[in-house]
C-alpha atoms as a PDB file:
ATOM      1  CA  MET A   1      -2.833  19.126 -18.566  1.00  0.00           C
ATOM      2  CA  PHE A   2      -1.091  17.640 -15.455  1.00  0.00           C
ATOM      3  CA  LEU A   3      -2.570  16.924 -12.020  1.00  0.00           C
ATOM      4  CA  LYS A   4      -0.279  16.947  -8.855  1.00  0.00           C
ATOM      5  CA  SER A   5      -0.978  13.367  -7.815  1.00  0.00           C
ATOM      6  CA  ASP A   6       0.054  11.306  -4.804  1.00  0.00           C
ATOM      7  CA  LEU A   7      -0.918   7.731  -5.599  1.00  0.00           C
ATOM      8  CA  HIS A   8       0.316   5.628  -2.403  1.00  0.00           C
ATOM      9  CA  ILE A   9      -0.918   6.958   0.973  1.00  0.00           C
ATOM     10  CA  HIS A  10      -1.704   4.976   4.038  1.00  0.00           C
ATOM     11  CA  THR A  11      -4.387   5.824   6.605  1.00  0.00           C
ATOM     12  CA  THR A  12      -5.654   4.400   9.911  1.00  0.00           C
ATOM     13  CA  ALA A  13      -7.225   1.753   8.152  1.00  0.00           C
ATOM     14  CA  SER A  14      -3.998  -0.241   8.163  1.00  0.00           C
ATOM     15  CA  ASP A  15      -0.913   1.243   9.656  1.00  0.00           C
ATOM     16  CA  GLY A  16      -1.016   5.041   8.852  1.00  0.00           C
ATOM     17  CA  LYS A  17      -1.329   7.551  11.894  1.00  0.00           C
ATOM     18  CA  HIS A  18      -3.640   9.556  10.240  1.00  0.00           C
ATOM     19  CA  THR A  19      -7.620   9.151   9.517  1.00  0.00           C
ATOM     20  CA  PRO A  20      -8.828   9.124   5.786  1.00  0.00           C
ATOM     21  CA  SER A  21     -10.247  12.619   6.765  1.00  0.00           C
ATOM     22  CA  GLU A  22      -7.253  14.097   7.964  1.00  0.00           C
ATOM     23  CA  VAL A  23      -5.281  12.784   4.940  1.00  0.00           C
ATOM     24  CA  VAL A  24      -7.752  14.636   2.692  1.00  0.00           C
ATOM     25  CA  ILE A  25      -7.142  17.869   4.672  1.00  0.00           C
ATOM     26  CA  ARG A  26      -3.312  17.630   4.580  1.00  0.00           C
ATOM     27  CA  ALA A  27      -3.468  16.839   0.849  1.00  0.00           C
ATOM     28  CA  LEU A  28      -5.720  20.027   0.358  1.00  0.00           C
ATOM     29  CA  LYS A  29      -3.058  22.330   2.258  1.00  0.00           C
ATOM     30  CA  THR A  30      -0.226  20.849  -0.020  1.00  0.00           C
ATOM     31  CA  ASP A  31      -2.093  21.448  -3.171  1.00  0.00           C
ATOM     32  CA  LEU A  32      -2.419  17.931  -4.388  1.00  0.00           C
ATOM     33  CA  ASP A  33      -5.071  17.336  -7.026  1.00  0.00           C
ATOM     34  CA  VAL A  34      -5.385  13.720  -6.957  1.00  0.00           C
ATOM     35  CA  ILE A  35      -4.806  11.207  -4.099  1.00  0.00           C
ATOM     36  CA  ALA A  36      -5.096   7.299  -3.811  1.00  0.00           C
ATOM     37  CA  ILE A  37      -5.814   5.467  -0.649  1.00  0.00           C
ATOM     38  CA  THR A  38      -3.703   2.643  -0.780  1.00  0.00           C
ATOM     39  CA  ASP A  39      -3.912   0.624   2.683  1.00  0.00           C
ATOM     40  CA  HIS A  40      -2.424  -2.814   3.207  1.00  0.00           C
ATOM     41  CA  ASP A  41      -5.046  -5.513   2.407  1.00  0.00           C
ATOM     42  CA  THR A  42      -8.144  -3.453   2.937  1.00  0.00           C
ATOM     43  CA  ILE A  43     -10.155  -0.630   1.305  1.00  0.00           C
ATOM     44  CA  ALA A  44     -11.959   0.474   4.523  1.00  0.00           C
ATOM     45  CA  GLY A  45     -10.580   4.023   4.419  1.00  0.00           C
ATOM     46  CA  PHE A  46     -11.689   4.970   0.828  1.00  0.00           C
ATOM     47  CA  GLU A  47     -15.327   5.958   1.703  1.00  0.00           C
ATOM     48  CA  GLU A  48     -14.530   8.325   4.224  1.00  0.00           C
ATOM     49  CA  ALA A  49     -11.687  10.000   2.223  1.00  0.00           C
ATOM     50  CA  GLN A  50     -14.152  10.496  -0.637  1.00  0.00           C
ATOM     51  CA  GLU A  51     -16.782  11.783   1.331  1.00  0.00           C
ATOM     52  CA  ALA A  52     -14.111  14.256   3.124  1.00  0.00           C
ATOM     53  CA  ALA A  53     -13.155  15.380  -0.546  1.00  0.00           C
ATOM     54  CA  ASN A  54     -16.466  15.941  -1.495  1.00  0.00           C
ATOM     55  CA  GLY A  55     -17.140  19.439  -2.629  1.00  0.00           C
ATOM     56  CA  THR A  56     -13.279  20.062  -2.808  1.00  0.00           C
ATOM     57  CA  ARG A  57     -11.051  19.953  -6.007  1.00  0.00           C
ATOM     58  CA  LEU A  58      -9.318  16.888  -4.599  1.00  0.00           C
ATOM     59  CA  ARG A  59      -9.936  13.709  -6.456  1.00  0.00           C
ATOM     60  CA  VAL A  60      -9.764  10.299  -4.583  1.00  0.00           C
ATOM     61  CA  ILE A  61      -8.953   7.168  -6.291  1.00  0.00           C
ATOM     62  CA  ARG A  62      -9.857   3.991  -4.878  1.00  0.00           C
ATOM     63  CA  GLY A  63      -6.578   1.513  -4.165  1.00  0.00           C
ATOM     64  CA  VAL A  64      -5.259  -1.017  -2.173  1.00  0.00           C
ATOM     65  CA  GLU A  65      -1.649  -2.408  -1.862  1.00  0.00           C
ATOM     66  CA  ILE A  66      -2.167  -6.230  -1.654  1.00  0.00           C
ATOM     67  CA  SER A  67       0.729  -8.352  -0.376  1.00  0.00           C
ATOM     68  CA  THR A  68       1.797 -11.436  -2.781  1.00  0.00           C
ATOM     69  CA  LEU A  69       4.516 -13.915  -3.465  1.00  0.00           C
ATOM     70  CA  PHE A  70       6.745 -13.800  -6.361  1.00  0.00           C
ATOM     71  CA  GLU A  71       9.449 -16.389  -6.744  1.00  0.00           C
ATOM     72  CA  GLY A  72       9.046 -17.158  -2.974  1.00  0.00           C
ATOM     73  CA  ARG A  73       9.579 -13.878  -1.802  1.00  0.00           C
ATOM     74  CA  GLU A  74       7.199 -10.992  -0.709  1.00  0.00           C
ATOM     75  CA  CYS A  75       6.018  -8.687  -3.671  1.00  0.00           C
ATOM     76  CA  HIS A  76       3.551  -5.724  -3.258  1.00  0.00           C
ATOM     77  CA  LEU A  77       1.029  -4.712  -5.815  1.00  0.00           C
ATOM     78  CA  LEU A  78      -0.992  -1.776  -5.993  1.00  0.00           C
ATOM     79  CA  ALA A  79      -4.467  -1.998  -7.426  1.00  0.00           C
ATOM     80  CA  TYR A  80      -6.231   0.905  -8.553  1.00  0.00           C
ATOM     81  CA  ALA A  81      -9.802   1.977  -9.838  1.00  0.00           C
ATOM     82  CA  PHE A  82     -11.268  -1.356  -9.573  1.00  0.00           C
ATOM     83  CA  ARG A  83     -15.105  -1.687 -10.484  1.00  0.00           C
ATOM     84  CA  ASP A  84     -15.828  -4.578  -8.975  1.00  0.00           C
ATOM     85  CA  ALA A  85     -15.044  -4.226  -5.216  1.00  0.00           C
ATOM     86  CA  GLU A  86     -16.703  -7.351  -4.061  1.00  0.00           C
ATOM     87  CA  LEU A  87     -14.148  -9.424  -6.170  1.00  0.00           C
ATOM     88  CA  ILE A  88     -11.259  -7.404  -4.376  1.00  0.00           C
ATOM     89  CA  LEU A  89     -13.005  -7.947  -0.987  1.00  0.00           C
ATOM     90  CA  ASP A  90     -13.075 -11.597  -1.158  1.00  0.00           C
ATOM     91  CA  LEU A  91      -9.342 -11.682  -1.635  1.00  0.00           C
ATOM     92  CA  LEU A  92      -8.633  -9.160   1.044  1.00  0.00           C
ATOM     93  CA  SER A  93     -10.722 -11.113   3.619  1.00  0.00           C
ATOM     94  CA  ASN A  94      -8.327 -14.056   3.202  1.00  0.00           C
ATOM     95  CA  GLN A  95      -5.543 -11.397   3.508  1.00  0.00           C
ATOM     96  CA  LYS A  96      -6.983 -10.163   6.875  1.00  0.00           C
ATOM     97  CA  ASN A  97      -6.881 -13.701   8.247  1.00  0.00           C
ATOM     98  CA  ARG A  98      -3.267 -14.345   7.131  1.00  0.00           C
ATOM     99  CA  ARG A  99      -2.229 -11.031   9.123  1.00  0.00           C
ATOM    100  CA  ILE A 100      -4.079 -12.054  12.247  1.00  0.00           C
ATOM    101  CA  GLN A 101      -1.985 -15.349  12.243  1.00  0.00           C
ATOM    102  CA  ARG A 102       1.041 -13.717  11.406  1.00  0.00           C
ATOM    103  CA  ALA A 103       0.656 -11.456  14.163  1.00  0.00           C
ATOM    104  CA  ARG A 104       0.207 -14.157  16.727  1.00  0.00           C
ATOM    105  CA  SER A 105       3.172 -15.931  15.321  1.00  0.00           C
ATOM    106  CA  ILE A 106       5.408 -13.105  15.697  1.00  0.00           C
ATOM    107  CA  ILE A 107       4.062 -12.180  19.007  1.00  0.00           C
ATOM    108  CA  SER A 108       4.887 -15.785  20.182  1.00  0.00           C
ATOM    109  CA  ASN A 109       8.309 -15.750  18.867  1.00  0.00           C
ATOM    110  CA  LEU A 110       8.865 -12.325  20.834  1.00  0.00           C
ATOM    111  CA  ASN A 111       7.569 -14.063  23.904  1.00  0.00           C
ATOM    112  CA  LYS A 112      10.108 -16.776  23.316  1.00  0.00           C
ATOM    113  CA  LEU A 113      12.929 -14.197  23.275  1.00  0.00           C
ATOM    114  CA  GLY A 114      11.637 -12.859  26.652  1.00  0.00           C
ATOM    115  CA  PHE A 115       9.332  -9.829  25.570  1.00  0.00           C
ATOM    116  CA  GLU A 116       6.136  -9.412  27.703  1.00  0.00           C
ATOM    117  CA  ILE A 117       3.625  -8.631  24.788  1.00  0.00           C
ATOM    118  CA  THR A 118       0.341 -10.040  23.916  1.00  0.00           C
ATOM    119  CA  TYR A 119      -2.018 -10.296  20.883  1.00  0.00           C
ATOM    120  CA  ASP A 120      -4.623  -8.142  22.642  1.00  0.00           C
ATOM    121  CA  GLU A 121      -1.984  -5.315  23.408  1.00  0.00           C
ATOM    122  CA  VAL A 122      -1.260  -5.362  19.341  1.00  0.00           C
ATOM    123  CA  ARG A 123      -4.988  -5.614  18.686  1.00  0.00           C
ATOM    124  CA  GLY A 124      -5.695  -2.470  20.843  1.00  0.00           C
ATOM    125  CA  GLU A 125      -3.047  -0.420  19.151  1.00  0.00           C
ATOM    126  CA  ALA A 126      -4.298  -1.367  15.624  1.00  0.00           C
ATOM    127  CA  GLY A 127      -7.910  -0.689  16.631  1.00  0.00           C
ATOM    128  CA  ARG A 128     -10.322  -1.470  13.663  1.00  0.00           C
ATOM    129  CA  ALA A 129      -7.286  -1.300  11.157  1.00  0.00           C
ATOM    130  CA  SER A 130      -5.814  -4.200   9.256  1.00  0.00           C
ATOM    131  CA  ILE A 131      -3.272  -5.575  11.510  1.00  0.00           C
ATOM    132  CA  GLY A 132       0.427  -5.211  10.605  1.00  0.00           C
ATOM    133  CA  ARG A 133       4.037  -5.441  11.713  1.00  0.00           C
ATOM    134  CA  PRO A 134       4.009  -1.610  12.594  1.00  0.00           C
ATOM    135  CA  HIS A 135       1.253  -2.066  15.316  1.00  0.00           C
ATOM    136  CA  ILE A 136       3.466  -4.760  17.005  1.00  0.00           C
ATOM    137  CA  ALA A 137       6.611  -2.699  16.739  1.00  0.00           C
ATOM    138  CA  ARG A 138       4.683   0.462  18.411  1.00  0.00           C
ATOM    139  CA  VAL A 139       3.693  -1.622  21.581  1.00  0.00           C
ATOM    140  CA  MET A 140       7.085  -2.695  21.651  1.00  0.00           C
ATOM    141  CA  ILE A 141       8.377   1.206  21.822  1.00  0.00           C
ATOM    142  CA  LYS A 142       5.760   2.109  24.255  1.00  0.00           C
ATOM    143  CA  LYS A 143       6.896  -0.874  26.734  1.00  0.00           C
ATOM    144  CA  GLY A 144      10.541   0.568  26.188  1.00  0.00           C
ATOM    145  CA  TYR A 145      11.905  -2.393  24.337  1.00  0.00           C
ATOM    146  CA  ALA A 146      13.128  -0.376  21.439  1.00  0.00           C
ATOM    147  CA  SER A 147      13.604   3.266  20.895  1.00  0.00           C
ATOM    148  CA  ASP A 148      11.790   3.628  17.368  1.00  0.00           C
ATOM    149  CA  THR A 149      10.390   1.617  14.648  1.00  0.00           C
ATOM    150  CA  HIS A 150      13.686   1.059  12.835  1.00  0.00           C
ATOM    151  CA  GLU A 151      15.363  -0.586  15.670  1.00  0.00           C
ATOM    152  CA  VAL A 152      12.211  -3.011  16.004  1.00  0.00           C
ATOM    153  CA  PHE A 153      12.443  -3.920  12.480  1.00  0.00           C
ATOM    154  CA  PHE A 154      16.093  -4.149  12.204  1.00  0.00           C
ATOM    155  CA  ARG A 155      16.279  -6.507  15.130  1.00  0.00           C
ATOM    156  CA  TYR A 156      13.202  -8.247  15.375  1.00  0.00           C
ATOM    157  CA  LEU A 157      10.265  -7.747  12.653  1.00  0.00           C
ATOM    158  CA  GLY A 158      11.985  -7.406   9.600  1.00  0.00           C
ATOM    159  CA  ASN A 159      12.437 -10.039   6.783  1.00  0.00           C
ATOM    160  CA  GLY A 160      14.762 -12.705   8.384  1.00  0.00           C
ATOM    161  CA  SER A 161      15.055 -11.187  11.736  1.00  0.00           C
ATOM    162  CA  SER A 162      14.811 -13.009  15.027  1.00  0.00           C
ATOM    163  CA  ALA A 163      10.925 -12.906  15.325  1.00  0.00           C
ATOM    164  CA  TYR A 164       9.975 -12.719  11.809  1.00  0.00           C
ATOM    165  CA  HIS A 165       7.130 -14.902  10.466  1.00  0.00           C
ATOM    166  CA  LYS A 166       6.567 -15.336   6.796  1.00  0.00           C
ATOM    167  CA  ILE A 167       2.927 -15.464   5.577  1.00  0.00           C
ATOM    168  CA  ASP A 168       2.001 -17.739   2.855  1.00  0.00           C
ATOM    169  CA  TYR A 169       0.477 -14.942   0.667  1.00  0.00           C
ATOM    170  CA  PRO A 170      -1.218 -15.749  -2.504  1.00  0.00           C
ATOM    171  CA  ASP A 171       1.020 -15.948  -5.858  1.00  0.00           C
ATOM    172  CA  VAL A 172       1.318 -12.685  -7.681  1.00  0.00           C
ATOM    173  CA  MET A 173      -0.191 -14.073 -10.864  1.00  0.00           C
ATOM    174  CA  THR A 174      -3.338 -15.230  -8.989  1.00  0.00           C
ATOM    175  CA  VAL A 175      -3.711 -11.412  -7.376  1.00  0.00           C
ATOM    176  CA  ILE A 176      -3.026  -9.712 -10.920  1.00  0.00           C
ATOM    177  CA  ASP A 177      -5.681 -12.026 -12.291  1.00  0.00           C
ATOM    178  CA  LYS A 178      -8.149 -10.967  -9.492  1.00  0.00           C
ATOM    179  CA  ILE A 179      -7.488  -7.325 -10.172  1.00  0.00           C
ATOM    180  CA  HIS A 180      -8.304  -7.739 -13.639  1.00  0.00           C
ATOM    181  CA  GLN A 181     -11.488  -9.652 -13.049  1.00  0.00           C
ATOM    182  CA  ALA A 182     -12.441  -6.634 -11.053  1.00  0.00           C
ATOM    183  CA  ASP A 183     -11.731  -4.269 -13.828  1.00  0.00           C
ATOM    184  CA  GLY A 184      -8.957  -2.533 -12.193  1.00  0.00           C
ATOM    185  CA  PHE A 185      -5.301  -1.814 -12.664  1.00  0.00           C
ATOM    186  CA  ALA A 186      -2.298  -3.930 -11.189  1.00  0.00           C
ATOM    187  CA  VAL A 187       1.094  -1.958 -10.592  1.00  0.00           C
ATOM    188  CA  LEU A 188       3.977  -3.197  -9.189  1.00  0.00           C
ATOM    189  CA  ALA A 189       4.856  -1.010  -5.855  1.00  0.00           C
ATOM    190  CA  HIS A 190       8.297   0.151  -5.105  1.00  0.00           C
ATOM    191  CA  PRO A 191      10.347  -2.206  -6.781  1.00  0.00           C
ATOM    192  CA  GLY A 192      13.682  -0.404  -6.263  1.00  0.00           C
ATOM    193  CA  SER A 193      16.675  -2.819  -6.425  1.00  0.00           C
ATOM    194  CA  THR A 194      14.651  -5.725  -5.578  1.00  0.00           C
ATOM    195  CA  TYR A 195      13.902  -7.100  -8.986  1.00  0.00           C
ATOM    196  CA  ASN A 196      16.354  -7.369 -12.241  1.00  0.00           C
ATOM    197  CA  PHE A 197      14.820  -6.917 -15.647  1.00  0.00           C
ATOM    198  CA  ILE A 198      14.310 -10.649 -16.297  1.00  0.00           C
ATOM    199  CA  GLU A 199      12.043 -10.761 -13.468  1.00  0.00           C
ATOM    200  CA  ILE A 200      10.298  -7.431 -14.394  1.00  0.00           C
ATOM    201  CA  LYS A 201       9.768  -8.932 -17.897  1.00  0.00           C
ATOM    202  CA  GLN A 202       8.256 -11.915 -16.034  1.00  0.00           C
ATOM    203  CA  LEU A 203       5.760  -9.737 -14.081  1.00  0.00           C
ATOM    204  CA  LYS A 204       4.882  -8.028 -17.207  1.00  0.00           C
ATOM    205  CA  ASP A 205       4.041 -11.346 -19.018  1.00  0.00           C
ATOM    206  CA  ALA A 206       2.026 -12.018 -15.740  1.00  0.00           C
ATOM    207  CA  GLY A 207      -0.136  -8.971 -16.605  1.00  0.00           C
ATOM    208  CA  ILE A 208       1.015  -6.161 -14.510  1.00  0.00           C
ATOM    209  CA  ASP A 209      -0.310  -2.812 -15.768  1.00  0.00           C
ATOM    210  CA  GLY A 210       2.445  -0.353 -14.380  1.00  0.00           C
ATOM    211  CA  ILE A 211       5.337   0.112 -12.294  1.00  0.00           C
ATOM    212  CA  GLU A 212       5.449   2.642  -9.526  1.00  0.00           C
ATOM    213  CA  CYS A 213       8.462   4.745 -10.653  1.00  0.00           C
ATOM    214  CA  TRP A 214       8.277   7.695  -8.294  1.00  0.00           C
ATOM    215  CA  HIS A 215       8.847   6.463  -4.462  1.00  0.00           C
ATOM    216  CA  PRO A 216      10.704   7.433  -1.489  1.00  0.00           C
ATOM    217  CA  SER A 217      13.152   4.458  -1.690  1.00  0.00           C
ATOM    218  CA  HIS A 218      13.864   4.979  -5.392  1.00  0.00           C
ATOM    219  CA  ASN A 219      17.038   7.144  -6.292  1.00  0.00           C
ATOM    220  CA  SER A 220      17.225   8.932  -9.585  1.00  0.00           C
ATOM    221  CA  VAL A 221      18.629   5.650 -11.194  1.00  0.00           C
ATOM    222  CA  HIS A 222      15.887   3.703 -10.190  1.00  0.00           C
ATOM    223  CA  ARG A 223      13.443   6.514 -11.373  1.00  0.00           C
ATOM    224  CA  ARG A 224      14.988   6.752 -14.885  1.00  0.00           C
ATOM    225  CA  ARG A 225      15.234   3.155 -15.231  1.00  0.00           C
ATOM    226  CA  TYR A 226      11.474   2.221 -14.621  1.00  0.00           C
ATOM    227  CA  LEU A 227      10.259   5.188 -16.490  1.00  0.00           C
ATOM    228  CA  THR A 228      12.187   4.082 -19.494  1.00  0.00           C
ATOM    229  CA  TYR A 229      10.709   0.600 -19.154  1.00  0.00           C
ATOM    230  CA  CYS A 230       7.284   1.768 -18.914  1.00  0.00           C
ATOM    231  CA  ASN A 231       7.663   3.835 -22.052  1.00  0.00           C
ATOM    232  CA  ASN A 232       9.289   1.126 -23.942  1.00  0.00           C
ATOM    233  CA  TYR A 233       6.773  -1.652 -22.934  1.00  0.00           C
ATOM    234  CA  ASP A 234       3.537   0.583 -22.789  1.00  0.00           C
ATOM    235  CA  LEU A 235       3.357   0.338 -19.064  1.00  0.00           C
ATOM    236  CA  ILE A 236       1.549   2.950 -16.798  1.00  0.00           C
ATOM    237  CA  ALA A 237       4.122   5.141 -14.626  1.00  0.00           C
ATOM    238  CA  THR A 238       2.749   5.576 -11.188  1.00  0.00           C
ATOM    239  CA  GLY A 239       4.344   7.104  -8.172  1.00  0.00           C
ATOM    240  CA  GLY A 240       3.576   8.466  -4.499  1.00  0.00           C
ATOM    241  CA  SER A 241       5.046   9.145  -0.950  1.00  0.00           C
ATOM    242  CA  ASP A 242       4.061   5.876   0.704  1.00  0.00           C
ATOM    243  CA  PHE A 243       2.828   8.377   3.552  1.00  0.00           C
ATOM    244  CA  HIS A 244       2.069   6.646   6.950  1.00  0.00           C
ATOM    245  CA  GLY A 245       2.401   9.840   8.911  1.00  0.00           C
ATOM    246  CA  THR A 246       5.279   8.739  11.082  1.00  0.00           C
ATOM    247  CA  VAL A 247       8.540   9.665  11.723  1.00  0.00           C
ATOM    248  CA  GLN A 248       9.958   7.066   9.498  1.00  0.00           C
ATOM    249  CA  ASP A 249       8.500   8.412   6.494  1.00  0.00           C
ATOM    250  CA  TYR A 250      11.147   9.946   3.897  1.00  0.00           C
ATOM    251  CA  PHE A 251       8.690  12.662   2.792  1.00  0.00           C
ATOM    252  CA  ASN A 252       5.708  14.357   4.102  1.00  0.00           C
ATOM    253  CA  LEU A 253       2.309  14.150   2.073  1.00  0.00           C
ATOM    254  CA  GLY A 254       2.665  16.263  -1.098  1.00  0.00           C
ATOM    255  CA  VAL A 255       6.627  16.620  -1.309  1.00  0.00           C
ATOM    256  CA  LEU A 256       6.962  13.486  -3.323  1.00  0.00           C
ATOM    257  CA  HIS A 257       4.268  13.352  -6.056  1.00  0.00           C
ATOM    258  CA  MET A 258       3.895  12.480  -9.782  1.00  0.00           C
ATOM    259  CA  GLU A 259       2.195  14.603 -12.558  1.00  0.00           C
ATOM    260  CA  LEU A 260      -0.870  12.615 -13.795  1.00  0.00           C
ATOM    261  CA  GLN A 261      -2.120  13.356 -16.986  1.00  0.00           C
ATOM    262  CA  THR A 262      -5.848  14.186 -17.023  1.00  0.00           C
ATOM    263  CA  ASP A 263      -6.558  11.934 -20.016  1.00  0.00           C
ATOM    264  CA  SER A 264      -4.189   8.930 -18.493  1.00  0.00           C
ATOM    265  CA  PRO A 265      -5.873   5.441 -18.651  1.00  0.00           C
ATOM    266  CA  LEU A 266      -5.917   5.703 -14.842  1.00  0.00           C
ATOM    267  CA  LEU A 267      -8.198   8.719 -14.600  1.00  0.00           C
ATOM    268  CA  ARG A 268     -10.448   7.611 -17.457  1.00  0.00           C
ATOM    269  CA  SER A 269     -11.198   4.391 -15.406  1.00  0.00           C
ATOM    270  CA  VAL A 270     -11.900   6.147 -12.457  1.00  0.00           C
ATOM    271  CA  GLU A 271     -14.434   8.283 -14.185  1.00  0.00           C
ATOM    272  CA  LYS A 272     -16.233   4.923 -15.167  1.00  0.00           C
ATOM    273  CA  VAL A 273     -15.956   3.828 -11.590  1.00  0.00           C
ATOM    274  CA  GLU A 274     -17.559   7.212 -10.334  1.00  0.00           C
ATOM    275  CA  ASN A 275     -20.560   6.671 -12.658  1.00  0.00           C
ATOM    276  CA  GLY A 276     -22.452   4.178 -10.531  1.00  0.00           C
ATOM    277  CA  VAL A 277     -20.465   1.940  -8.518  1.00  0.00           C
ATOM    278  CA  THR A 278     -21.610   1.366  -5.047  1.00  0.00           C
ATOM    279  CA  GLU A 279     -18.774   1.489  -2.632  1.00  0.00           C
ATOM    280  CA  THR A 280     -18.141  -1.074  -0.216  1.00  0.00           C
ATOM    281  CA  GLN A 281     -15.888  -1.443   2.668  1.00  0.00           C
ATOM    282  CA  ASN A 282     -13.742  -4.009   4.124  1.00  0.00           C
END
C-alpha cells in the first residue's frame, strides 16, 4: 500500500508563511496521508503540527532541514524520524547562533550599499522563527527596495551576491554522524545539478541514508537519475514540495508529492519514535 506523502514542508517556525496547524489543515484538504515538517535548523513547529493532526488520518513525521558544508559549499540535509531530539537540539542551537550572526553581517553589508534596514526590523519580521535570508528579503520588499523575493536574492542575498555572507556551517560528515547518533535518517536535499556522481558517492560513503528525488527544482532527468542511484545503492528515495506558502513556491502543498510505502524503513522508524519518545522543541 502507498501513502500520498510530502516530506519537505516549511512553516512559520522558520521561513514559511503558514503556521504548523495551518499546514495540517491544508494537507488534509489536499488528501495527503503523510507530511514531514522540515523547517530550517529548528524542530519548533513539529509538536504543534502533530497536535493539530491528532484524530485525523494525517501522519506527521518529525524532520528538520540542516545546513552543512561539503567541499567548501553549502549542502542541505534533511533529518527524519530521530528518536533522540536532545542530540539534534544541541546541533540546532549552534545553527541558530550562526543564523543570527549571518543576518547581522548581511544587514551590515546592505547598510554599506545604502539600504536603511535594521536587525530589529528583520527580527520583528521573523518573530519567534529561526531567522533566515527570506526574512531580510521581506523587510526589503516592504520598504520598497525590491519588487519580490527573487529580485532580492538575485541582486543582494543569493550566494555570491553583493550583500551575501557565508556561514561557517558544520561539516556534512559531522552532521550525518549526529543524525545517526540520534537514531535518525540523513537525506541529501534537492541535489539537482549541484553534485556529480563522484560527489554523491562521497556523500554515500559519508553515510547518507537517502536522496530527495522528487523536488520542484528537479526535472525528469534529475528524478530518474537519483531514483536509479537509490535503487542501485540501497538508498531511500524521498521527495516533497519544499512548501513555504509564498508566491515563489513552484507548487502548492499536495501538488508535488511522492508515494510512500507503508512498510518503508522511514515509517517503521516513525512508529518506534511514536512509541514513547517525549517531544522537545527548539
